[in-house]
Amino acid sequence: MEIHTNKAGEKTDRKRFGKNVRAARDEAGLKGEKLAEICGISHSYMQGIERGLRLPALPKYIKLSNALGVPPGYLLRGLAGTAEKEECEREAAKRWIDELKINEVRALIEIMNTVVRHMK
């Protein structure tokens, strides 16, 4: 997976990727050890990913994405162009809404309608 073009950009991209993995892991309620186990990698390697020291090879990247329950592009958010980033944010919102109970969805719709009315 190539997401950088130079040494300075490489360090920044790895750190951003690591932050995205950590945030997704926290959202999924997984411990680092458990995520590493699910992905078939060592805990120290997982720590290296989250610290921005390592980038996983494509097969591990796919396992990581699946284990976290996020689309593959979600872990690249902030690294891609604006359109890709917005799409990842929309996908994250859709996943979050899909997990709500119907009464929570209805409440969310009411809140959103109220906010939109006050923005006009």
PDB file of N, CA and C in Angstrom:
ATOM      1  N   MET A   1       0.853  -1.163   0.000  1.00  0.00           N
ATOM      2  CA  MET A   1       0.000   0.000   0.000  1.00  0.00           C
ATOM      3  C   MET A   1       0.900   1.227   0.000  1.00  0.00           C
ATOM      4  N   GLU A   2       0.868   2.011  -1.034  1.00  0.00           N
ATOM      5  CA  GLU A   2       1.696   3.199  -1.096  1.00  0.00           C
ATOM      6  C   GLU A   2       0.819   4.426  -0.936  1.00  0.00           C
ATOM      7  N   ILE A   3       1.084   5.177   0.129  1.00  0.00           N
ATOM      8  CA  ILE A   3       0.274   6.351   0.425  1.00  0.00           C
ATOM      9  C   ILE A   3       1.147   7.573   0.660  1.00  0.00           C
ATOM     10  N   HIS A   4       2.380   7.509   0.204  1.00  0.00           N
ATOM     11  CA  HIS A   4       3.290   8.609   0.422  1.00  0.00           C
ATOM     12  C   HIS A   4       4.223   8.769  -0.781  1.00  0.00           C
ATOM     13  N   THR A   5       4.888   9.909  -0.813  1.00  0.00           N
ATOM     14  CA  THR A   5       5.788  10.138  -1.934  1.00  0.00           C
ATOM     15  C   THR A   5       7.200  10.506  -1.496  1.00  0.00           C
ATOM     16  N   ASN A   6       7.389  10.869  -0.234  1.00  0.00           N
ATOM     17  CA  ASN A   6       8.723  11.222   0.229  1.00  0.00           C
ATOM     18  C   ASN A   6       8.861  10.887   1.707  1.00  0.00           C
ATOM     19  N   LYS A   7      10.077  10.979   2.230  1.00  0.00           N
ATOM     20  CA  LYS A   7      10.337  10.594   3.621  1.00  0.00           C
ATOM     21  C   LYS A   7       9.523  11.420   4.611  1.00  0.00           C
ATOM     22  N   ALA A   8       9.432  12.719   4.420  1.00  0.00           N
ATOM     23  CA  ALA A   8       8.664  13.561   5.341  1.00  0.00           C
ATOM     24  C   ALA A   8       7.187  13.201   5.281  1.00  0.00           C
ATOM     25  N   GLY A   9       6.662  13.026   4.066  1.00  0.00           N
ATOM     26  CA  GLY A   9       5.264  12.638   3.899  1.00  0.00           C
ATOM     27  C   GLY A   9       4.995  11.248   4.428  1.00  0.00           C
ATOM     28  N   GLU A  10       5.969  10.366   4.290  1.00  0.00           N
ATOM     29  CA  GLU A  10       5.809   8.990   4.766  1.00  0.00           C
ATOM     30  C   GLU A  10       5.575   8.977   6.271  1.00  0.00           C
ATOM     31  N   LYS A  11       6.360   9.740   7.014  1.00  0.00           N
ATOM     32  CA  LYS A  11       6.218   9.767   8.467  1.00  0.00           C
ATOM     33  C   LYS A  11       4.849  10.327   8.863  1.00  0.00           C
ATOM     34  N   THR A  12       4.432  11.390   8.201  1.00  0.00           N
ATOM     35  CA  THR A  12       3.133  11.998   8.478  1.00  0.00           C
ATOM     36  C   THR A  12       2.008  11.033   8.161  1.00  0.00           C
ATOM     37  N   ASP A  13       2.066  10.367   7.015  1.00  0.00           N
ATOM     38  CA  ASP A  13       1.028   9.433   6.615  1.00  0.00           C
ATOM     39  C   ASP A  13       0.951   8.239   7.555  1.00  0.00           C
ATOM     40  N   ARG A  14       2.084   7.729   7.974  1.00  0.00           N
ATOM     41  CA  ARG A  14       2.086   6.603   8.907  1.00  0.00           C
ATOM     42  C   ARG A  14       1.466   7.000  10.233  1.00  0.00           C
ATOM     43  N   LYS A  15       1.790   8.180  10.708  1.00  0.00           N
ATOM     44  CA  LYS A  15       1.225   8.651  11.979  1.00  0.00           C
ATOM     45  C   LYS A  15      -0.287   8.833  11.852  1.00  0.00           C
ATOM     46  N   ARG A  16      -0.730   9.419  10.748  1.00  0.00           N
ATOM     47  CA  ARG A  16      -2.163   9.623  10.539  1.00  0.00           C
ATOM     48  C   ARG A  16      -2.882   8.275  10.446  1.00  0.00           C
ATOM     49  N   PHE A  17      -2.301   7.348   9.708  1.00  0.00           N
ATOM     50  CA  PHE A  17      -2.878   6.019   9.581  1.00  0.00           C
ATOM     51  C   PHE A  17      -2.983   5.365  10.961  1.00  0.00           C
ATOM     52  N   GLY A  18      -1.910   5.459  11.742  1.00  0.00           N
ATOM     53  CA  GLY A  18      -1.910   4.887  13.088  1.00  0.00           C
ATOM     54  C   GLY A  18      -2.989   5.490  13.970  1.00  0.00           C
ATOM     55  N   LYS A  19      -3.179   6.802  13.870  1.00  0.00           N
ATOM     56  CA  LYS A  19      -4.237   7.465  14.645  1.00  0.00           C
ATOM     57  C   LYS A  19      -5.609   6.980  14.205  1.00  0.00           C
ATOM     58  N   ASN A  20      -5.774   6.775  12.915  1.00  0.00           N
ATOM     59  CA  ASN A  20      -7.056   6.272  12.405  1.00  0.00           C
ATOM     60  C   ASN A  20      -7.335   4.864  12.919  1.00  0.00           C
ATOM     61  N   VAL A  21      -6.300   4.025  12.937  1.00  0.00           N
ATOM     62  CA  VAL A  21      -6.462   2.662  13.445  1.00  0.00           C
ATOM     63  C   VAL A  21      -6.834   2.706  14.921  1.00  0.00           C
ATOM     64  N   ARG A  22      -6.130   3.516  15.682  1.00  0.00           N
ATOM     65  CA  ARG A  22      -6.398   3.617  17.126  1.00  0.00           C
ATOM     66  C   ARG A  22      -7.816   4.112  17.382  1.00  0.00           C
ATOM     67  N   ALA A  23      -8.238   5.133  16.637  1.00  0.00           N
ATOM     68  CA  ALA A  23      -9.589   5.668  16.810  1.00  0.00           C
ATOM     69  C   ALA A  23     -10.646   4.615  16.468  1.00  0.00           C
ATOM     70  N   ALA A  24     -10.436   3.883  15.389  1.00  0.00           N
ATOM     71  CA  ALA A  24     -11.389   2.841  14.989  1.00  0.00           C
ATOM     72  C   ALA A  24     -11.402   1.709  16.018  1.00  0.00           C
ATOM     73  N   ARG A  25     -10.240   1.381  16.567  1.00  0.00           N
ATOM     74  CA  ARG A  25     -10.161   0.337  17.593  1.00  0.00           C
ATOM     75  C   ARG A  25     -10.914   0.771  18.845  1.00  0.00           C
ATOM     76  N   ASP A  26     -10.720   2.023  19.243  1.00  0.00           N
ATOM     77  CA  ASP A  26     -11.438   2.547  20.407  1.00  0.00           C
ATOM     78  C   ASP A  26     -12.943   2.530  20.175  1.00  0.00           C
ATOM     79  N   GLU A  27     -13.362   2.944  18.978  1.00  0.00           N
ATOM     80  CA  GLU A  27     -14.785   2.945  18.632  1.00  0.00           C
ATOM     81  C   GLU A  27     -15.363   1.533  18.657  1.00  0.00           C
ATOM     82  N   ALA A  28     -14.542   0.557  18.253  1.00  0.00           N
ATOM     83  CA  ALA A  28     -14.991  -0.836  18.234  1.00  0.00           C
ATOM     84  C   ALA A  28     -14.940  -1.478  19.622  1.00  0.00           C
ATOM     85  N   GLY A  29     -14.324  -0.787  20.577  1.00  0.00           N
ATOM     86  CA  GLY A  29     -14.230  -1.317  21.931  1.00  0.00           C
ATOM     87  C   GLY A  29     -13.272  -2.490  22.063  1.00  0.00           C
ATOM     88  N   LEU A  30     -12.240  -2.504  21.217  1.00  0.00           N
ATOM     89  CA  LEU A  30     -11.267  -3.602  21.240  1.00  0.00           C
ATOM     90  C   LEU A  30      -9.979  -3.179  21.932  1.00  0.00           C
ATOM     91  N   LYS A  31      -9.383  -4.094  22.647  1.00  0.00           N
ATOM     92  CA  LYS A  31      -8.044  -3.892  23.202  1.00  0.00           C
ATOM     93  C   LYS A  31      -7.044  -4.160  22.082  1.00  0.00           C
ATOM     94  N   GLY A  32      -5.877  -3.533  22.174  1.00  0.00           N
ATOM     95  CA  GLY A  32      -4.849  -3.732  21.163  1.00  0.00           C
ATOM     96  C   GLY A  32      -4.434  -5.181  21.015  1.00  0.00           C
ATOM     97  N   GLU A  33      -4.331  -5.886  22.150  1.00  0.00           N
ATOM     98  CA  GLU A  33      -3.945  -7.289  22.123  1.00  0.00           C
ATOM     99  C   GLU A  33      -4.958  -8.136  21.350  1.00  0.00           C
ATOM    100  N   LYS A  34      -6.246  -7.865  21.580  1.00  0.00           N
ATOM    101  CA  LYS A  34      -7.302  -8.634  20.915  1.00  0.00           C
ATOM    102  C   LYS A  34      -7.302  -8.357  19.412  1.00  0.00           C
ATOM    103  N   LEU A  35      -7.157  -7.092  19.035  1.00  0.00           N
ATOM    104  CA  LEU A  35      -7.127  -6.750  17.615  1.00  0.00           C
ATOM    105  C   LEU A  35      -5.941  -7.416  16.930  1.00  0.00           C
ATOM    106  N   ALA A  36      -4.787  -7.400  17.586  1.00  0.00           N
ATOM    107  CA  ALA A  36      -3.601  -8.049  17.027  1.00  0.00           C
ATOM    108  C   ALA A  36      -3.859  -9.540  16.827  1.00  0.00           C
ATOM    109  N   GLU A  37      -4.477 -10.159  17.819  1.00  0.00           N
ATOM    110  CA  GLU A  37      -4.782 -11.595  17.731  1.00  0.00           C
ATOM    111  C   GLU A  37      -5.711 -11.888  16.559  1.00  0.00           C
ATOM    112  N   ILE A  38      -6.765 -11.089  16.415  1.00  0.00           N
ATOM    113  CA  ILE A  38      -7.720 -11.275  15.322  1.00  0.00           C
ATOM    114  C   ILE A  38      -7.023 -11.140  13.966  1.00  0.00           C
ATOM    115  N   CYS A  39      -6.093 -10.203  13.874  1.00  0.00           N
ATOM    116  CA  CYS A  39      -5.409  -9.934  12.606  1.00  0.00           C
ATOM    117  C   CYS A  39      -4.226 -10.866  12.352  1.00  0.00           C
ATOM    118  N   GLY A  40      -3.863 -11.667  13.348  1.00  0.00           N
ATOM    119  CA  GLY A  40      -2.749 -12.595  13.174  1.00  0.00           C
ATOM    120  C   GLY A  40      -1.394 -11.925  13.192  1.00  0.00           C
ATOM    121  N   ILE A  41      -1.273 -10.861  13.981  1.00  0.00           N
ATOM    122  CA  ILE A  41       0.015 -10.167  14.110  1.00  0.00           C
ATOM    123  C   ILE A  41       0.350 -10.037  15.595  1.00  0.00           C
ATOM    124  N   SER A  42       1.599  -9.732  15.873  1.00  0.00           N
ATOM    125  CA  SER A  42       2.007  -9.586  17.268  1.00  0.00           C
ATOM    126  C   SER A  42       1.480  -8.267  17.831  1.00  0.00           C
ATOM    127  N   HIS A  43       1.350  -8.245  19.139  1.00  0.00           N
ATOM    128  CA  HIS A  43       0.895  -7.014  19.799  1.00  0.00           C
ATOM    129  C   HIS A  43       1.891  -5.883  19.559  1.00  0.00           C
ATOM    130  N   SER A  44       3.186  -6.194  19.571  1.00  0.00           N
ATOM    131  CA  SER A  44       4.189  -5.145  19.348  1.00  0.00           C
ATOM    132  C   SER A  44       4.090  -4.580  17.928  1.00  0.00           C
ATOM    133  N   TYR A  45       3.747  -5.426  16.952  1.00  0.00           N
ATOM    134  CA  TYR A  45       3.566  -4.936  15.587  1.00  0.00           C
ATOM    135  C   TYR A  45       2.345  -4.010  15.530  1.00  0.00           C
ATOM    136  N   MET A  46       1.269  -4.402  16.239  1.00  0.00           N
ATOM    137  CA  MET A  46       0.062  -3.561  16.285  1.00  0.00           C
ATOM    138  C   MET A  46       0.392  -2.218  16.931  1.00  0.00           C
ATOM    139  N   GLN A  47       1.167  -2.233  17.986  1.00  0.00           N
ATOM    140  CA  GLN A  47       1.574  -0.981  18.623  1.00  0.00           C
ATOM    141  C   GLN A  47       2.366  -0.118  17.646  1.00  0.00           C
ATOM    142  N   GLY A  48       3.227  -0.762  16.850  1.00  0.00           N
ATOM    143  CA  GLY A  48       4.003  -0.028  15.846  1.00  0.00           C
ATOM    144  C   GLY A  48       3.105   0.633  14.810  1.00  0.00           C
ATOM    145  N   ILE A  49       2.029  -0.053  14.430  1.00  0.00           N
ATOM    146  CA  ILE A  49       1.070   0.537  13.482  1.00  0.00           C
ATOM    147  C   ILE A  49       0.421   1.759  14.108  1.00  0.00           C
ATOM    148  N   GLU A  50      -0.066   1.604  15.330  1.00  0.00           N
ATOM    149  CA  GLU A  50      -0.774   2.708  15.989  1.00  0.00           C
ATOM    150  C   GLU A  50       0.135   3.890  16.298  1.00  0.00           C
ATOM    151  N   ARG A  51       1.410   3.641  16.487  1.00  0.00           N
ATOM    152  CA  ARG A  51       2.364   4.732  16.746  1.00  0.00           C
ATOM    153  C   ARG A  51       2.885   5.366  15.466  1.00  0.00           C
ATOM    154  N   GLY A  52       2.504   4.806  14.327  1.00  0.00           N
ATOM    155  CA  GLY A  52       2.965   5.359  13.059  1.00  0.00           C
ATOM    156  C   GLY A  52       4.347   4.893  12.660  1.00  0.00           C
ATOM    157  N   LEU A  53       4.783   3.790  13.225  1.00  0.00           N
ATOM    158  CA  LEU A  53       6.103   3.257  12.901  1.00  0.00           C
ATOM    159  C   LEU A  53       6.061   2.220  11.796  1.00  0.00           C
ATOM    160  N   ARG A  54       4.879   1.636  11.568  1.00  0.00           N
ATOM    161  CA  ARG A  54       4.738   0.566  10.577  1.00  0.00           C
ATOM    162  C   ARG A  54       3.466   0.758   9.762  1.00  0.00           C
ATOM    163  N   LEU A  55       3.506   0.251   8.549  1.00  0.00           N
ATOM    164  CA  LEU A  55       2.306   0.151   7.713  1.00  0.00           C
ATOM    165  C   LEU A  55       2.115  -1.323   7.377  1.00  0.00           C
ATOM    166  N   PRO A  56       0.916  -1.844   7.562  1.00  0.00           N
ATOM    167  CA  PRO A  56       0.715  -3.266   7.257  1.00  0.00           C
ATOM    168  C   PRO A  56       0.675  -3.523   5.755  1.00  0.00           C
ATOM    169  N   ALA A  57       1.080  -4.748   5.381  1.00  0.00           N
ATOM    170  CA  ALA A  57       0.950  -5.180   3.990  1.00  0.00           C
ATOM    171  C   ALA A  57      -0.543  -5.314   3.684  1.00  0.00           C
ATOM    172  N   LEU A  58      -0.888  -5.319   2.427  1.00  0.00           N
ATOM    173  CA  LEU A  58      -2.291  -5.315   2.003  1.00  0.00           C
ATOM    174  C   LEU A  58      -3.140  -6.409   2.659  1.00  0.00           C
ATOM    175  N   PRO A  59      -2.704  -7.674   2.704  1.00  0.00           N
ATOM    176  CA  PRO A  59      -3.561  -8.693   3.343  1.00  0.00           C
ATOM    177  C   PRO A  59      -3.849  -8.373   4.818  1.00  0.00           C
ATOM    178  N   LYS A  60      -2.841  -7.885   5.539  1.00  0.00           N
ATOM    179  CA  LYS A  60      -3.032  -7.523   6.947  1.00  0.00           C
ATOM    180  C   LYS A  60      -3.916  -6.277   7.052  1.00  0.00           C
ATOM    181  N   TYR A  61      -3.753  -5.376   6.122  1.00  0.00           N
ATOM    182  CA  TYR A  61      -4.580  -4.158   6.099  1.00  0.00           C
ATOM    183  C   TYR A  61      -6.061  -4.525   5.954  1.00  0.00           C
ATOM    184  N   ILE A  62      -6.365  -5.460   5.063  1.00  0.00           N
ATOM    185  CA  ILE A  62      -7.749  -5.908   4.862  1.00  0.00           C
ATOM    186  C   ILE A  62      -8.266  -6.592   6.120  1.00  0.00           C
ATOM    187  N   LYS A  63      -7.443  -7.453   6.745  1.00  0.00           N
ATOM    188  CA  LYS A  63      -7.844  -8.101   7.998  1.00  0.00           C
ATOM    189  C   LYS A  63      -8.121  -7.051   9.075  1.00  0.00           C
ATOM    190  N   LEU A  64      -7.281  -6.060   9.142  1.00  0.00           N
ATOM    191  CA  LEU A  64      -7.430  -4.986  10.118  1.00  0.00           C
ATOM    192  C   LEU A  64      -8.739  -4.241   9.907  1.00  0.00           C
ATOM    193  N   SER A  65      -8.998  -3.880   8.678  1.00  0.00           N
ATOM    194  CA  SER A  65     -10.238  -3.181   8.325  1.00  0.00           C
ATOM    195  C   SER A  65     -11.462  -4.019   8.695  1.00  0.00           C
ATOM    196  N   ASN A  66     -11.430  -5.306   8.339  1.00  0.00           N
ATOM    197  CA  ASN A  66     -12.549  -6.200   8.653  1.00  0.00           C
ATOM    198  C   ASN A  66     -12.735  -6.374  10.149  1.00  0.00           C
ATOM    199  N   ALA A  67     -11.636  -6.553  10.871  1.00  0.00           N
ATOM    200  CA  ALA A  67     -11.710  -6.747  12.322  1.00  0.00           C
ATOM    201  C   ALA A  67     -12.298  -5.517  13.011  1.00  0.00           C
ATOM    202  N   LEU A  68     -12.023  -4.353  12.462  1.00  0.00           N
ATOM    203  CA  LEU A  68     -12.531  -3.108  13.046  1.00  0.00           C
ATOM    204  C   LEU A  68     -13.941  -2.784  12.561  1.00  0.00           C
ATOM    205  N   GLY A  69     -14.406  -3.528  11.562  1.00  0.00           N
ATOM    206  CA  GLY A  69     -15.754  -3.291  11.040  1.00  0.00           C
ATOM    207  C   GLY A  69     -15.884  -1.991  10.278  1.00  0.00           C
ATOM    208  N   VAL A  70     -14.807  -1.593   9.624  1.00  0.00           N
ATOM    209  CA  VAL A  70     -14.821  -0.351   8.849  1.00  0.00           C
ATOM    210  C   VAL A  70     -14.445  -0.650   7.403  1.00  0.00           C
ATOM    211  N   PRO A  71     -14.931   0.156   6.458  1.00  0.00           N
ATOM    212  CA  PRO A  71     -14.495  -0.046   5.073  1.00  0.00           C
ATOM    213  C   PRO A  71     -13.001   0.272   4.964  1.00  0.00           C
ATOM    214  N   PRO A  72     -12.298  -0.384   4.065  1.00  0.00           N
ATOM    215  CA  PRO A  72     -10.857  -0.166   3.948  1.00  0.00           C
ATOM    216  C   PRO A  72     -10.453   1.307   3.825  1.00  0.00           C
ATOM    217  N   GLY A  73     -11.210   2.080   3.087  1.00  0.00           N
ATOM    218  CA  GLY A  73     -10.873   3.493   2.919  1.00  0.00           C
ATOM    219  C   GLY A  73     -10.974   4.303   4.189  1.00  0.00           C
ATOM    220  N   TYR A  74     -11.721   3.811   5.160  1.00  0.00           N
ATOM    221  CA  TYR A  74     -11.910   4.541   6.415  1.00  0.00           C
ATOM    222  C   TYR A  74     -10.579   4.753   7.135  1.00  0.00           C
ATOM    223  N   LEU A  75      -9.715   3.765   7.090  1.00  0.00           N
ATOM    224  CA  LEU A  75      -8.427   3.882   7.779  1.00  0.00           C
ATOM    225  C   LEU A  75      -7.472   4.836   7.069  1.00  0.00           C
ATOM    226  N   LEU A  76      -7.806   5.186   5.834  1.00  0.00           N
ATOM    227  CA  LEU A  76      -6.967   6.120   5.072  1.00  0.00           C
ATOM    228  C   LEU A  76      -7.477   7.554   5.143  1.00  0.00           C
ATOM    229  N   ARG A  77      -8.547   7.781   5.892  1.00  0.00           N
ATOM    230  CA  ARG A  77      -9.115   9.132   5.939  1.00  0.00           C
ATOM    231  C   ARG A  77      -8.062  10.114   6.438  1.00  0.00           C
ATOM    232  N   GLY A  78      -8.083  11.268   5.847  1.00  0.00           N
ATOM    233  CA  GLY A  78      -7.071  12.258   6.169  1.00  0.00           C
ATOM    234  C   GLY A  78      -5.844  12.137   5.280  1.00  0.00           C
ATOM    235  N   LEU A  79      -5.696  11.000   4.619  1.00  0.00           N
ATOM    236  CA  LEU A  79      -4.567  10.792   3.708  1.00  0.00           C
ATOM    237  C   LEU A  79      -4.998  11.007   2.272  1.00  0.00           C
ATOM    238  N   ALA A  80      -6.268  10.783   2.024  1.00  0.00           N
ATOM    239  CA  ALA A  80      -6.798  10.889   0.668  1.00  0.00           C
ATOM    240  C   ALA A  80      -7.273  12.317   0.408  1.00  0.00           C
ATOM    241  N   GLY A  81      -7.720  12.561  -0.816  1.00  0.00           N
ATOM    242  CA  GLY A  81      -8.249  13.864  -1.172  1.00  0.00           C
ATOM    243  C   GLY A  81      -9.570  14.133  -0.452  1.00  0.00           C
ATOM    244  N   THR A  82     -10.066  15.328  -0.564  1.00  0.00           N
ATOM    245  CA  THR A  82     -11.271  15.739   0.143  1.00  0.00           C
ATOM    246  C   THR A  82     -12.469  14.870  -0.184  1.00  0.00           C
ATOM    247  N   ALA A  83     -12.673  14.527  -1.438  1.00  0.00           N
ATOM    248  CA  ALA A  83     -13.833  13.721  -1.821  1.00  0.00           C
ATOM    249  C   ALA A  83     -13.789  12.355  -1.143  1.00  0.00           C
ATOM    250  N   GLU A  84     -12.616  11.727  -1.113  1.00  0.00           N
ATOM    251  CA  GLU A  84     -12.482  10.427  -0.465  1.00  0.00           C
ATOM    252  C   GLU A  84     -12.710  10.554   1.035  1.00  0.00           C
ATOM    253  N   LYS A  85     -12.199  11.607   1.625  1.00  0.00           N
ATOM    254  CA  LYS A  85     -12.363  11.825   3.060  1.00  0.00           C
ATOM    255  C   LYS A  85     -13.842  12.011   3.392  1.00  0.00           C
ATOM    256  N   GLU A  86     -14.536  12.809   2.597  1.00  0.00           N
ATOM    257  CA  GLU A  86     -15.957  13.014   2.837  1.00  0.00           C
ATOM    258  C   GLU A  86     -16.727  11.714   2.692  1.00  0.00           C
ATOM    259  N   GLU A  87     -16.366  10.891   1.729  1.00  0.00           N
ATOM    260  CA  GLU A  87     -17.038   9.606   1.544  1.00  0.00           C
ATOM    261  C   GLU A  87     -16.814   8.704   2.752  1.00  0.00           C
ATOM    262  N   CYS A  88     -15.610   8.699   3.292  1.00  0.00           N
ATOM    263  CA  CYS A  88     -15.324   7.906   4.487  1.00  0.00           C
ATOM    264  C   CYS A  88     -16.152   8.385   5.669  1.00  0.00           C
ATOM    265  N   GLU A  89     -16.282   9.705   5.793  1.00  0.00           N
ATOM    266  CA  GLU A  89     -17.091  10.254   6.883  1.00  0.00           C
ATOM    267  C   GLU A  89     -18.553   9.876   6.717  1.00  0.00           C
ATOM    268  N   ARG A  90     -19.044   9.917   5.484  1.00  0.00           N
ATOM    269  CA  ARG A  90     -20.432   9.508   5.232  1.00  0.00           C
ATOM    270  C   ARG A  90     -20.632   8.031   5.564  1.00  0.00           C
ATOM    271  N   GLU A  91     -19.675   7.197   5.186  1.00  0.00           N
ATOM    272  CA  GLU A  91     -19.766   5.770   5.480  1.00  0.00           C
ATOM    273  C   GLU A  91     -19.758   5.520   6.984  1.00  0.00           C
ATOM    274  N   ALA A  92     -18.926   6.263   7.703  1.00  0.00           N
ATOM    275  CA  ALA A  92     -18.876   6.112   9.158  1.00  0.00           C
ATOM    276  C   ALA A  92     -20.216   6.503   9.772  1.00  0.00           C
ATOM    277  N   ALA A  93     -20.805   7.591   9.288  1.00  0.00           N
ATOM    278  CA  ALA A  93     -22.113   8.026   9.790  1.00  0.00           C
ATOM    279  C   ALA A  93     -23.188   6.985   9.481  1.00  0.00           C
ATOM    280  N   LYS A  94     -23.149   6.416   8.288  1.00  0.00           N
ATOM    281  CA  LYS A  94     -24.126   5.383   7.917  1.00  0.00           C
ATOM    282  C   LYS A  94     -24.010   4.166   8.823  1.00  0.00           C
ATOM    283  N   ARG A  95     -22.769   3.743   9.095  1.00  0.00           N
ATOM    284  CA  ARG A  95     -22.567   2.592   9.972  1.00  0.00           C
ATOM    285  C   ARG A  95     -23.122   2.884  11.366  1.00  0.00           C
ATOM    286  N   TRP A  96     -22.860   4.084  11.848  1.00  0.00           N
ATOM    287  CA  TRP A  96     -23.322   4.475  13.176  1.00  0.00           C
ATOM    288  C   TRP A  96     -24.853   4.471  13.218  1.00  0.00           C
ATOM    289  N   ILE A  97     -25.487   5.035  12.216  1.00  0.00           N
ATOM    290  CA  ILE A  97     -26.952   5.083  12.162  1.00  0.00           C
ATOM    291  C   ILE A  97     -27.536   3.680  12.043  1.00  0.00           C
ATOM    292  N   ASP A  98     -26.890   2.825  11.261  1.00  0.00           N
ATOM    293  CA  ASP A  98     -27.370   1.448  11.087  1.00  0.00           C
ATOM    294  C   ASP A  98     -27.416   0.680  12.409  1.00  0.00           C
ATOM    295  N   GLU A  99     -26.592   1.072  13.359  1.00  0.00           N
ATOM    296  CA  GLU A  99     -26.542   0.378  14.645  1.00  0.00           C
ATOM    297  C   GLU A  99     -27.569   0.903  15.649  1.00  0.00           C
ATOM    298  N   LEU A 100     -28.240   2.001  15.315  1.00  0.00           N
ATOM    299  CA  LEU A 100     -29.227   2.580  16.233  1.00  0.00           C
ATOM    300  C   LEU A 100     -30.533   1.807  16.200  1.00  0.00           C
ATOM    301  N   LYS A 101     -31.236   1.848  17.319  1.00  0.00           N
ATOM    302  CA  LYS A 101     -32.586   1.293  17.380  1.00  0.00           C
ATOM    303  C   LYS A 101     -33.514   2.289  16.699  1.00  0.00           C
ATOM    304  N   ILE A 102     -34.684   1.818  16.266  1.00  0.00           N
ATOM    305  CA  ILE A 102     -35.593   2.669  15.491  1.00  0.00           C
ATOM    306  C   ILE A 102     -36.008   3.908  16.286  1.00  0.00           C
ATOM    307  N   ASN A 103     -36.228   3.780  17.585  1.00  0.00           N
ATOM    308  CA  ASN A 103     -36.610   4.953  18.368  1.00  0.00           C
ATOM    309  C   ASN A 103     -35.463   5.966  18.427  1.00  0.00           C
ATOM    310  N   GLU A 104     -34.213   5.481  18.415  1.00  0.00           N
ATOM    311  CA  GLU A 104     -33.063   6.384  18.395  1.00  0.00           C
ATOM    312  C   GLU A 104     -32.942   7.073  17.043  1.00  0.00           C
ATOM    313  N   VAL A 105     -33.250   6.354  15.968  1.00  0.00           N
ATOM    314  CA  VAL A 105     -33.228   6.940  14.623  1.00  0.00           C
ATOM    315  C   VAL A 105     -34.261   8.058  14.538  1.00  0.00           C
ATOM    316  N   ARG A 106     -35.460   7.790  15.047  1.00  0.00           N
ATOM    317  CA  ARG A 106     -36.517   8.818  15.025  1.00  0.00           C
ATOM    318  C   ARG A 106     -36.111  10.048  15.824  1.00  0.00           C
ATOM    319  N   ALA A 107     -35.505   9.834  16.982  1.00  0.00           N
ATOM    320  CA  ALA A 107     -35.044  10.964  17.798  1.00  0.00           C
ATOM    321  C   ALA A 107     -33.957  11.748  17.061  1.00  0.00           C
ATOM    322  N   LEU A 108     -33.053  11.039  16.410  1.00  0.00           N
ATOM    323  CA  LEU A 108     -31.986  11.690  15.650  1.00  0.00           C
ATOM    324  C   LEU A 108     -32.565  12.532  14.516  1.00  0.00           C
ATOM    325  N   ILE A 109     -33.567  12.007  13.836  1.00  0.00           N
ATOM    326  CA  ILE A 109     -34.206  12.754  12.747  1.00  0.00           C
ATOM    327  C   ILE A 109     -34.839  14.037  13.282  1.00  0.00           C
ATOM    328  N   GLU A 110     -35.507  13.940  14.425  1.00  0.00           N
ATOM    329  CA  GLU A 110     -36.103  15.138  15.038  1.00  0.00           C
ATOM    330  C   GLU A 110     -35.038  16.176  15.366  1.00  0.00           C
ATOM    331  N   ILE A 111     -33.940  15.715  15.939  1.00  0.00           N
ATOM    332  CA  ILE A 111     -32.838  16.627  16.282  1.00  0.00           C
ATOM    333  C   ILE A 111     -32.278  17.277  15.033  1.00  0.00           C
ATOM    334  N   MET A 112     -32.057  16.484  13.998  1.00  0.00           N
ATOM    335  CA  MET A 112     -31.500  17.021  12.750  1.00  0.00           C
ATOM    336  C   MET A 112     -32.442  18.034  12.120  1.00  0.00           C
ATOM    337  N   ASN A 113     -33.737  17.744  12.132  1.00  0.00           N
ATOM    338  CA  ASN A 113     -34.710  18.691  11.579  1.00  0.00           C
ATOM    339  C   ASN A 113     -34.695  20.003  12.351  1.00  0.00           C
ATOM    340  N   THR A 114     -34.581  19.923  13.667  1.00  0.00           N
ATOM    341  CA  THR A 114     -34.524  21.128  14.497  1.00  0.00           C
ATOM    342  C   THR A 114     -33.283  21.946  14.175  1.00  0.00           C
ATOM    343  N   VAL A 115     -32.157  21.280  14.059  1.00  0.00           N
ATOM    344  CA  VAL A 115     -30.900  21.973  13.742  1.00  0.00           C
ATOM    345  C   VAL A 115     -30.997  22.645  12.382  1.00  0.00           C
ATOM    346  N   VAL A 116     -31.512  21.933  11.391  1.00  0.00           N
ATOM    347  CA  VAL A 116     -31.622  22.489  10.038  1.00  0.00           C
ATOM    348  C   VAL A 116     -32.557  23.708  10.033  1.00  0.00           C
ATOM    349  N   ARG A 117     -33.664  23.608  10.749  1.00  0.00           N
ATOM    350  CA  ARG A 117     -34.595  24.760  10.813  1.00  0.00           C
ATOM    351  C   ARG A 117     -33.910  25.984  11.413  1.00  0.00           C
ATOM    352  N   HIS A 118     -33.092  25.795  12.415  1.00  0.00           N
ATOM    353  CA  HIS A 118     -32.420  26.922  13.064  1.00  0.00           C
ATOM    354  C   HIS A 118     -31.246  27.456  12.258  1.00  0.00           C
ATOM    355  N   MET A 119     -30.787  26.694  11.297  1.00  0.00           N
ATOM    356  CA  MET A 119     -29.677  27.145  10.444  1.00  0.00           C
ATOM    357  C   MET A 119     -30.171  28.053   9.329  1.00  0.00           C
ATOM    358  N   LYS A 120     -31.480  28.027   9.051  1.00  0.00           N
ATOM    359  CA  LYS A 120     -32.023  28.817   7.934  1.00  0.00           C
ATOM    360  C   LYS A 120     -32.154  30.260   8.322  1.00  0.00           C
TER     361      LYS A 120
END
